[in-house]
Amino acid sequence: MKDLSAGEAWKEGIRCANTNMSKEDLDILEAFEKMLGKTNIEGQLSEIELLEKFVDEQIIKAEDEQKDRSKLYKSLGVIAGIGAVIILI
């Protein structure tokens, strides 16, 4: 087992995780690595709260993007269906 600092272990965990996170999401998580183990408990808790706010913002962005894309895909499905009916007639 390797001797890693908390920050190094965090970064290694992010690198090894197989996720569908965007580059921006990964950057936020990797930035947190620089703060791990550098301050006292209060500082650590403050950093975790800040990370939580960033993650919450990213979740809201992802939900908005999903809504926009679902509208687009529904519209494309309807148009493709109409096109297929026209071709068959």
PDB file of N, CA and C in Angstrom:
ATOM      1  N   MET A   1       0.843  -1.174   0.000  1.00  0.00           N
ATOM      2  CA  MET A   1       0.000   0.000   0.000  1.00  0.00           C
ATOM      3  C   MET A   1       0.889   1.237   0.000  1.00  0.00           C
ATOM      4  N   LYS A   2       0.532   2.199  -0.823  1.00  0.00           N
ATOM      5  CA  LYS A   2       1.327   3.417  -0.948  1.00  0.00           C
ATOM      6  C   LYS A   2       1.105   4.337   0.251  1.00  0.00           C
ATOM      7  N   ASP A   3       2.139   5.115   0.561  1.00  0.00           N
ATOM      8  CA  ASP A   3       1.990   6.159   1.577  1.00  0.00           C
ATOM      9  C   ASP A   3       1.651   7.450   0.850  1.00  0.00           C
ATOM     10  N   LEU A   4       0.370   7.803   0.876  1.00  0.00           N
ATOM     11  CA  LEU A   4      -0.093   9.002   0.196  1.00  0.00           C
ATOM     12  C   LEU A   4      -0.671   9.987   1.201  1.00  0.00           C
ATOM     13  N   SER A   5      -0.494  11.275   0.908  1.00  0.00           N
ATOM     14  CA  SER A   5      -1.175  12.276   1.720  1.00  0.00           C
ATOM     15  C   SER A   5      -2.657  12.238   1.375  1.00  0.00           C
ATOM     16  N   ALA A   6      -3.463  12.920   2.159  1.00  0.00           N
ATOM     17  CA  ALA A   6      -4.910  12.941   1.896  1.00  0.00           C
ATOM     18  C   ALA A   6      -5.179  13.527   0.516  1.00  0.00           C
ATOM     19  N   GLY A   7      -4.475  14.594   0.179  1.00  0.00           N
ATOM     20  CA  GLY A   7      -4.659  15.225  -1.128  1.00  0.00           C
ATOM     21  C   GLY A   7      -4.262  14.326  -2.277  1.00  0.00           C
ATOM     22  N   GLU A   8      -3.144  13.629  -2.126  1.00  0.00           N
ATOM     23  CA  GLU A   8      -2.693  12.716  -3.180  1.00  0.00           C
ATOM     24  C   GLU A   8      -3.666  11.559  -3.354  1.00  0.00           C
ATOM     25  N   ALA A   9      -4.168  11.043  -2.237  1.00  0.00           N
ATOM     26  CA  ALA A   9      -5.139   9.945  -2.301  1.00  0.00           C
ATOM     27  C   ALA A   9      -6.424  10.408  -2.981  1.00  0.00           C
ATOM     28  N   TRP A  10      -6.848  11.629  -2.681  1.00  0.00           N
ATOM     29  CA  TRP A  10      -8.049  12.203  -3.308  1.00  0.00           C
ATOM     30  C   TRP A  10      -7.857  12.294  -4.818  1.00  0.00           C
ATOM     31  N   LYS A  11      -6.717  12.849  -5.228  1.00  0.00           N
ATOM     32  CA  LYS A  11      -6.439  13.023  -6.656  1.00  0.00           C
ATOM     33  C   LYS A  11      -6.346  11.663  -7.359  1.00  0.00           C
ATOM     34  N   GLU A  12      -5.714  10.707  -6.720  1.00  0.00           N
ATOM     35  CA  GLU A  12      -5.587   9.365  -7.295  1.00  0.00           C
ATOM     36  C   GLU A  12      -6.967   8.719  -7.439  1.00  0.00           C
ATOM     37  N   GLY A  13      -7.817   8.923  -6.438  1.00  0.00           N
ATOM     38  CA  GLY A  13      -9.172   8.383  -6.493  1.00  0.00           C
ATOM     39  C   GLY A  13      -9.978   8.981  -7.635  1.00  0.00           C
ATOM     40  N   ILE A  14      -9.830  10.274  -7.850  1.00  0.00           N
ATOM     41  CA  ILE A  14     -10.531  10.937  -8.951  1.00  0.00           C
ATOM     42  C   ILE A  14     -10.026  10.411 -10.287  1.00  0.00           C
ATOM     43  N   ARG A  15      -8.711  10.245 -10.397  1.00  0.00           N
ATOM     44  CA  ARG A  15      -8.124   9.744 -11.639  1.00  0.00           C
ATOM     45  C   ARG A  15      -8.589   8.329 -11.959  1.00  0.00           C
ATOM     46  N   CYS A  16      -8.726   7.506 -10.931  1.00  0.00           N
ATOM     47  CA  CYS A  16      -9.097   6.105 -11.134  1.00  0.00           C
ATOM     48  C   CYS A  16     -10.597   5.900 -11.310  1.00  0.00           C
ATOM     49  N   ALA A  17     -11.392   6.864 -10.886  1.00  0.00           N
ATOM     50  CA  ALA A  17     -12.851   6.720 -10.966  1.00  0.00           C
ATOM     51  C   ALA A  17     -13.303   6.804 -12.421  1.00  0.00           C
ATOM     52  N   ASN A  18     -14.195   5.913 -12.785  1.00  0.00           N
ATOM     53  CA  ASN A  18     -14.736   5.901 -14.134  1.00  0.00           C
ATOM     54  C   ASN A  18     -16.102   6.581 -14.091  1.00  0.00           C
ATOM     55  N   THR A  19     -16.118   7.877 -14.352  1.00  0.00           N
ATOM     56  CA  THR A  19     -17.358   8.644 -14.257  1.00  0.00           C
ATOM     57  C   THR A  19     -17.640   9.365 -15.563  1.00  0.00           C
ATOM     58  N   ASN A  20     -18.829   9.875 -15.651  1.00  0.00           N
ATOM     59  CA  ASN A  20     -19.217  10.683 -16.805  1.00  0.00           C
ATOM     60  C   ASN A  20     -19.194  12.166 -16.461  1.00  0.00           C
ATOM     61  N   MET A  21     -18.308  12.533 -15.566  1.00  0.00           N
ATOM     62  CA  MET A  21     -18.230  13.934 -15.152  1.00  0.00           C
ATOM     63  C   MET A  21     -17.579  14.773 -16.231  1.00  0.00           C
ATOM     64  N   SER A  22     -18.012  16.024 -16.291  1.00  0.00           N
ATOM     65  CA  SER A  22     -17.421  16.957 -17.254  1.00  0.00           C
ATOM     66  C   SER A  22     -16.040  17.382 -16.757  1.00  0.00           C
ATOM     67  N   LYS A  23     -15.295  17.997 -17.641  1.00  0.00           N
ATOM     68  CA  LYS A  23     -13.960  18.500 -17.284  1.00  0.00           C
ATOM     69  C   LYS A  23     -14.077  19.507 -16.147  1.00  0.00           C
ATOM     70  N   GLU A  24     -15.111  20.341 -16.206  1.00  0.00           N
ATOM     71  CA  GLU A  24     -15.320  21.351 -15.162  1.00  0.00           C
ATOM     72  C   GLU A  24     -15.564  20.692 -13.801  1.00  0.00           C
ATOM     73  N   ASP A  25     -16.353  19.615 -13.781  1.00  0.00           N
ATOM     74  CA  ASP A  25     -16.615  18.883 -12.539  1.00  0.00           C
ATOM     75  C   ASP A  25     -15.321  18.310 -11.971  1.00  0.00           C
ATOM     76  N   LEU A  26     -14.537  17.693 -12.827  1.00  0.00           N
ATOM     77  CA  LEU A  26     -13.276  17.096 -12.382  1.00  0.00           C
ATOM     78  C   LEU A  26     -12.303  18.161 -11.888  1.00  0.00           C
ATOM     79  N   ASP A  27     -12.297  19.321 -12.535  1.00  0.00           N
ATOM     80  CA  ASP A  27     -11.423  20.410 -12.099  1.00  0.00           C
ATOM     81  C   ASP A  27     -11.793  20.881 -10.694  1.00  0.00           C
ATOM     82  N   ILE A  28     -13.092  20.974 -10.418  1.00  0.00           N
ATOM     83  CA  ILE A  28     -13.549  21.379  -9.086  1.00  0.00           C
ATOM     84  C   ILE A  28     -13.091  20.369  -8.041  1.00  0.00           C
ATOM     85  N   LEU A  29     -13.256  19.092  -8.356  1.00  0.00           N
ATOM     86  CA  LEU A  29     -12.844  18.057  -7.404  1.00  0.00           C
ATOM     87  C   LEU A  29     -11.333  18.026  -7.218  1.00  0.00           C
ATOM     88  N   GLU A  30     -10.589  18.229  -8.285  1.00  0.00           N
ATOM     89  CA  GLU A  30      -9.129  18.219  -8.175  1.00  0.00           C
ATOM     90  C   GLU A  30      -8.620  19.430  -7.404  1.00  0.00           C
ATOM     91  N   ALA A  31      -9.307  20.570  -7.531  1.00  0.00           N
ATOM     92  CA  ALA A  31      -8.898  21.759  -6.777  1.00  0.00           C
ATOM     93  C   ALA A  31      -9.040  21.526  -5.271  1.00  0.00           C
ATOM     94  N   PHE A  32     -10.006  20.716  -4.894  1.00  0.00           N
ATOM     95  CA  PHE A  32     -10.209  20.398  -3.480  1.00  0.00           C
ATOM     96  C   PHE A  32      -9.007  19.656  -2.913  1.00  0.00           C
ATOM     97  N   GLU A  33      -8.349  18.890  -3.746  1.00  0.00           N
ATOM     98  CA  GLU A  33      -7.179  18.110  -3.320  1.00  0.00           C
ATOM     99  C   GLU A  33      -6.097  19.004  -2.737  1.00  0.00           C
ATOM    100  N   LYS A  34      -5.957  20.206  -3.258  1.00  0.00           N
ATOM    101  CA  LYS A  34      -4.901  21.113  -2.798  1.00  0.00           C
ATOM    102  C   LYS A  34      -5.138  21.596  -1.376  1.00  0.00           C
ATOM    103  N   MET A  35      -6.381  21.519  -0.919  1.00  0.00           N
ATOM    104  CA  MET A  35      -6.720  22.004   0.412  1.00  0.00           C
ATOM    105  C   MET A  35      -6.705  20.911   1.479  1.00  0.00           C
ATOM    106  N   LEU A  36      -6.798  19.668   1.057  1.00  0.00           N
ATOM    107  CA  LEU A  36      -6.870  18.571   2.028  1.00  0.00           C
ATOM    108  C   LEU A  36      -5.588  18.477   2.858  1.00  0.00           C
ATOM    109  N   GLY A  37      -5.763  18.418   4.148  1.00  0.00           N
ATOM    110  CA  GLY A  37      -4.630  18.239   5.047  1.00  0.00           C
ATOM    111  C   GLY A  37      -3.775  19.470   5.248  1.00  0.00           C
ATOM    112  N   LYS A  38      -4.195  20.612   4.747  1.00  0.00           N
ATOM    113  CA  LYS A  38      -3.373  21.815   4.853  1.00  0.00           C
ATOM    114  C   LYS A  38      -3.799  22.729   6.003  1.00  0.00           C
ATOM    115  N   THR A  39      -5.020  22.550   6.501  1.00  0.00           N
ATOM    116  CA  THR A  39      -5.513  23.427   7.559  1.00  0.00           C
ATOM    117  C   THR A  39      -6.059  22.596   8.716  1.00  0.00           C
ATOM    118  N   ASN A  40      -6.534  23.307   9.734  1.00  0.00           N
ATOM    119  CA  ASN A  40      -7.109  22.624  10.899  1.00  0.00           C
ATOM    120  C   ASN A  40      -8.522  22.139  10.572  1.00  0.00           C
ATOM    121  N   ILE A  41      -9.191  21.574  11.554  1.00  0.00           N
ATOM    122  CA  ILE A  41     -10.509  20.985  11.335  1.00  0.00           C
ATOM    123  C   ILE A  41     -11.499  22.017  10.827  1.00  0.00           C
ATOM    124  N   GLU A  42     -11.500  23.211  11.415  1.00  0.00           N
ATOM    125  CA  GLU A  42     -12.435  24.249  10.975  1.00  0.00           C
ATOM    126  C   GLU A  42     -12.181  24.633   9.517  1.00  0.00           C
ATOM    127  N   GLY A  43     -10.921  24.721   9.159  1.00  0.00           N
ATOM    128  CA  GLY A  43     -10.570  25.036   7.775  1.00  0.00           C
ATOM    129  C   GLY A  43     -11.009  23.951   6.818  1.00  0.00           C
ATOM    130  N   GLN A  44     -10.836  22.702   7.233  1.00  0.00           N
ATOM    131  CA  GLN A  44     -11.251  21.572   6.408  1.00  0.00           C
ATOM    132  C   GLN A  44     -12.766  21.586   6.202  1.00  0.00           C
ATOM    133  N   LEU A  45     -13.502  21.827   7.295  1.00  0.00           N
ATOM    134  CA  LEU A  45     -14.963  21.881   7.196  1.00  0.00           C
ATOM    135  C   LEU A  45     -15.410  23.017   6.285  1.00  0.00           C
ATOM    136  N   SER A  46     -14.725  24.137   6.369  1.00  0.00           N
ATOM    137  CA  SER A  46     -15.037  25.272   5.505  1.00  0.00           C
ATOM    138  C   SER A  46     -14.804  24.925   4.036  1.00  0.00           C
ATOM    139  N   GLU A  47     -13.708  24.241   3.762  1.00  0.00           N
ATOM    140  CA  GLU A  47     -13.402  23.823   2.390  1.00  0.00           C
ATOM    141  C   GLU A  47     -14.422  22.819   1.873  1.00  0.00           C
ATOM    142  N   ILE A  48     -14.868  21.916   2.735  1.00  0.00           N
ATOM    143  CA  ILE A  48     -15.871  20.928   2.333  1.00  0.00           C
ATOM    144  C   ILE A  48     -17.192  21.619   2.016  1.00  0.00           C
ATOM    145  N   GLU A  49     -17.564  22.623   2.829  1.00  0.00           N
ATOM    146  CA  GLU A  49     -18.795  23.375   2.563  1.00  0.00           C
ATOM    147  C   GLU A  49     -18.697  24.112   1.236  1.00  0.00           C
ATOM    148  N   LEU A  50     -17.544  24.684   0.951  1.00  0.00           N
ATOM    149  CA  LEU A  50     -17.344  25.373  -0.318  1.00  0.00           C
ATOM    150  C   LEU A  50     -17.444  24.399  -1.486  1.00  0.00           C
ATOM    151  N   LEU A  51     -16.837  23.240  -1.348  1.00  0.00           N
ATOM    152  CA  LEU A  51     -16.933  22.210  -2.388  1.00  0.00           C
ATOM    153  C   LEU A  51     -18.380  21.794  -2.587  1.00  0.00           C
ATOM    154  N   GLU A  52     -19.113  21.659  -1.498  1.00  0.00           N
ATOM    155  CA  GLU A  52     -20.523  21.269  -1.590  1.00  0.00           C
ATOM    156  C   GLU A  52     -21.327  22.309  -2.381  1.00  0.00           C
ATOM    157  N   LYS A  53     -21.040  23.593  -2.172  1.00  0.00           N
ATOM    158  CA  LYS A  53     -21.724  24.646  -2.928  1.00  0.00           C
ATOM    159  C   LYS A  53     -21.401  24.541  -4.421  1.00  0.00           C
ATOM    160  N   PHE A  54     -20.130  24.319  -4.739  1.00  0.00           N
ATOM    161  CA  PHE A  54     -19.740  24.168  -6.140  1.00  0.00           C
ATOM    162  C   PHE A  54     -20.439  22.978  -6.783  1.00  0.00           C
ATOM    163  N   VAL A  55     -20.495  21.868  -6.067  1.00  0.00           N
ATOM    164  CA  VAL A  55     -21.126  20.661  -6.594  1.00  0.00           C
ATOM    165  C   VAL A  55     -22.626  20.901  -6.787  1.00  0.00           C
ATOM    166  N   ASP A  56     -23.260  21.580  -5.838  1.00  0.00           N
ATOM    167  CA  ASP A  56     -24.687  21.891  -5.978  1.00  0.00           C
ATOM    168  C   ASP A  56     -24.949  22.746  -7.223  1.00  0.00           C
ATOM    169  N   GLU A  57     -24.071  23.708  -7.485  1.00  0.00           N
ATOM    170  CA  GLU A  57     -24.201  24.547  -8.686  1.00  0.00           C
ATOM    171  C   GLU A  57     -24.054  23.700  -9.949  1.00  0.00           C
ATOM    172  N   GLN A  58     -23.116  22.778  -9.934  1.00  0.00           N
ATOM    173  CA  GLN A  58     -22.911  21.909 -11.091  1.00  0.00           C
ATOM    174  C   GLN A  58     -24.125  21.003 -11.321  1.00  0.00           C
ATOM    175  N   ILE A  59     -24.739  20.547 -10.239  1.00  0.00           N
ATOM    176  CA  ILE A  59     -25.936  19.713 -10.362  1.00  0.00           C
ATOM    177  C   ILE A  59     -27.064  20.506 -11.003  1.00  0.00           C
ATOM    178  N   ILE A  60     -27.235  21.743 -10.583  1.00  0.00           N
ATOM    179  CA  ILE A  60     -28.280  22.600 -11.164  1.00  0.00           C
ATOM    180  C   ILE A  60     -28.017  22.826 -12.649  1.00  0.00           C
ATOM    181  N   LYS A  61     -26.761  23.083 -13.009  1.00  0.00           N
ATOM    182  CA  LYS A  61     -26.412  23.264 -14.428  1.00  0.00           C
ATOM    183  C   LYS A  61     -26.716  21.999 -15.226  1.00  0.00           C
ATOM    184  N   ALA A  62     -26.360  20.851 -14.679  1.00  0.00           N
ATOM    185  CA  ALA A  62     -26.588  19.580 -15.379  1.00  0.00           C
ATOM    186  C   ALA A  62     -28.081  19.312 -15.548  1.00  0.00           C
ATOM    187  N   GLU A  63     -28.880  19.618 -14.534  1.00  0.00           N
ATOM    188  CA  GLU A  63     -30.329  19.420 -14.643  1.00  0.00           C
ATOM    189  C   GLU A  63     -30.932  20.333 -15.716  1.00  0.00           C
ATOM    190  N   ASP A  64     -30.467  21.590 -15.764  1.00  0.00           N
ATOM    191  CA  ASP A  64     -30.948  22.517 -16.797  1.00  0.00           C
ATOM    192  C   ASP A  64     -30.566  22.029 -18.192  1.00  0.00           C
ATOM    193  N   GLU A  65     -29.338  21.552 -18.314  1.00  0.00           N
ATOM    194  CA  GLU A  65     -28.875  21.027 -19.599  1.00  0.00           C
ATOM    195  C   GLU A  65     -29.688  19.811 -20.019  1.00  0.00           C
ATOM    196  N   GLN A  66     -30.022  18.956 -19.058  1.00  0.00           N
ATOM    197  CA  GLN A  66     -30.826  17.771 -19.353  1.00  0.00           C
ATOM    198  C   GLN A  66     -32.214  18.182 -19.846  1.00  0.00           C
ATOM    199  N   LYS A  67     -32.818  19.179 -19.214  1.00  0.00           N
ATOM    200  CA  LYS A  67     -34.143  19.643 -19.637  1.00  0.00           C
ATOM    201  C   LYS A  67     -34.089  20.170 -21.070  1.00  0.00           C
ATOM    202  N   ASP A  68     -33.077  20.970 -21.366  1.00  0.00           N
ATOM    203  CA  ASP A  68     -32.938  21.527 -22.717  1.00  0.00           C
ATOM    204  C   ASP A  68     -32.751  20.427 -23.746  1.00  0.00           C
ATOM    205  N   ARG A  69     -31.901  19.479 -23.440  1.00  0.00           N
ATOM    206  CA  ARG A  69     -31.638  18.398 -24.389  1.00  0.00           C
ATOM    207  C   ARG A  69     -32.838  17.478 -24.562  1.00  0.00           C
ATOM    208  N   SER A  70     -33.599  17.246 -23.496  1.00  0.00           N
ATOM    209  CA  SER A  70     -34.760  16.363 -23.634  1.00  0.00           C
ATOM    210  C   SER A  70     -35.804  16.992 -24.549  1.00  0.00           C
ATOM    211  N   LYS A  71     -35.958  18.309 -24.480  1.00  0.00           N
ATOM    212  CA  LYS A  71     -36.875  19.002 -25.397  1.00  0.00           C
ATOM    213  C   LYS A  71     -36.397  18.838 -26.836  1.00  0.00           C
ATOM    214  N   LEU A  72     -35.102  18.984 -27.037  1.00  0.00           N
ATOM    215  CA  LEU A  72     -34.529  18.844 -28.374  1.00  0.00           C
ATOM    216  C   LEU A  72     -34.751  17.434 -28.913  1.00  0.00           C
ATOM    217  N   TYR A  73     -34.481  16.428 -28.099  1.00  0.00           N
ATOM    218  CA  TYR A  73     -34.636  15.044 -28.551  1.00  0.00           C
ATOM    219  C   TYR A  73     -36.089  14.698 -28.832  1.00  0.00           C
ATOM    220  N   LYS A  74     -37.008  15.218 -28.045  1.00  0.00           N
ATOM    221  CA  LYS A  74     -38.431  14.979 -28.306  1.00  0.00           C
ATOM    222  C   LYS A  74     -38.825  15.597 -29.642  1.00  0.00           C
ATOM    223  N   SER A  75     -38.364  16.821 -29.880  1.00  0.00           N
ATOM    224  CA  SER A  75     -38.675  17.490 -31.141  1.00  0.00           C
ATOM    225  C   SER A  75     -38.091  16.729 -32.322  1.00  0.00           C
ATOM    226  N   LEU A  76     -36.855  16.275 -32.188  1.00  0.00           N
ATOM    227  CA  LEU A  76     -36.229  15.515 -33.267  1.00  0.00           C
ATOM    228  C   LEU A  76     -36.968  14.211 -33.526  1.00  0.00           C
ATOM    229  N   GLY A  77     -37.454  13.563 -32.477  1.00  0.00           N
ATOM    230  CA  GLY A  77     -38.213  12.331 -32.632  1.00  0.00           C
ATOM    231  C   GLY A  77     -39.508  12.567 -33.382  1.00  0.00           C
ATOM    232  N   VAL A  78     -40.201  13.644 -33.060  1.00  0.00           N
ATOM    233  CA  VAL A  78     -41.452  13.966 -33.753  1.00  0.00           C
ATOM    234  C   VAL A  78     -41.177  14.276 -35.221  1.00  0.00           C
ATOM    235  N   ILE A  79     -40.158  15.066 -35.479  1.00  0.00           N
ATOM    236  CA  ILE A  79     -39.814  15.426 -36.861  1.00  0.00           C
ATOM    237  C   ILE A  79     -39.412  14.181 -37.652  1.00  0.00           C
ATOM    238  N   ALA A  80     -38.622  13.303 -37.048  1.00  0.00           N
ATOM    239  CA  ALA A  80     -38.212  12.075 -37.735  1.00  0.00           C
ATOM    240  C   ALA A  80     -39.424  11.197 -38.021  1.00  0.00           C
ATOM    241  N   GLY A  81     -40.356  11.129 -37.079  1.00  0.00           N
ATOM    242  CA  GLY A  81     -41.577  10.344 -37.289  1.00  0.00           C
ATOM    243  C   GLY A  81     -42.414  10.890 -38.422  1.00  0.00           C
ATOM    244  N   ILE A  82     -42.575  12.191 -38.462  1.00  0.00           N
ATOM    245  CA  ILE A  82     -43.337  12.826 -39.546  1.00  0.00           C
ATOM    246  C   ILE A  82     -42.639  12.583 -40.875  1.00  0.00           C
ATOM    247  N   GLY A  83     -41.316  12.710 -40.866  1.00  0.00           N
ATOM    248  CA  GLY A  83     -40.545  12.460 -42.093  1.00  0.00           C
ATOM    249  C   GLY A  83     -40.718  11.036 -42.588  1.00  0.00           C
ATOM    250  N   ALA A  84     -40.696  10.082 -41.669  1.00  0.00           N
ATOM    251  CA  ALA A  84     -40.880   8.675 -42.048  1.00  0.00           C
ATOM    252  C   ALA A  84     -42.269   8.448 -42.618  1.00  0.00           C
ATOM    253  N   VAL A  85     -43.281   9.058 -42.016  1.00  0.00           N
ATOM    254  CA  VAL A  85     -44.665   8.902 -42.522  1.00  0.00           C
ATOM    255  C   VAL A  85     -44.768   9.494 -43.918  1.00  0.00           C
ATOM    256  N   ILE A  86     -44.174  10.653 -44.145  1.00  0.00           N
ATOM    257  CA  ILE A  86     -44.219  11.295 -45.461  1.00  0.00           C
ATOM    258  C   ILE A  86     -43.543  10.402 -46.502  1.00  0.00           C
ATOM    259  N   ILE A  87     -42.401   9.838 -46.140  1.00  0.00           N
ATOM    260  CA  ILE A  87     -41.678   8.965 -47.076  1.00  0.00           C
ATOM    261  C   ILE A  87     -42.501   7.721 -47.399  1.00  0.00           C
ATOM    262  N   LEU A  88     -43.187   7.163 -46.433  1.00  0.00           N
ATOM    263  CA  LEU A  88     -43.981   5.953 -46.642  1.00  0.00           C
ATOM    264  C   LEU A  88     -45.251   6.223 -47.448  1.00  0.00           C
ATOM    265  N   ILE A  89     -45.737   7.431 -47.406  1.00  0.00           N
ATOM    266  CA  ILE A  89     -46.968   7.761 -48.158  1.00  0.00           C
ATOM    267  C   ILE A  89     -46.579   7.952 -49.592  1.00  0.00           C
TER     268      ILE A  89
END
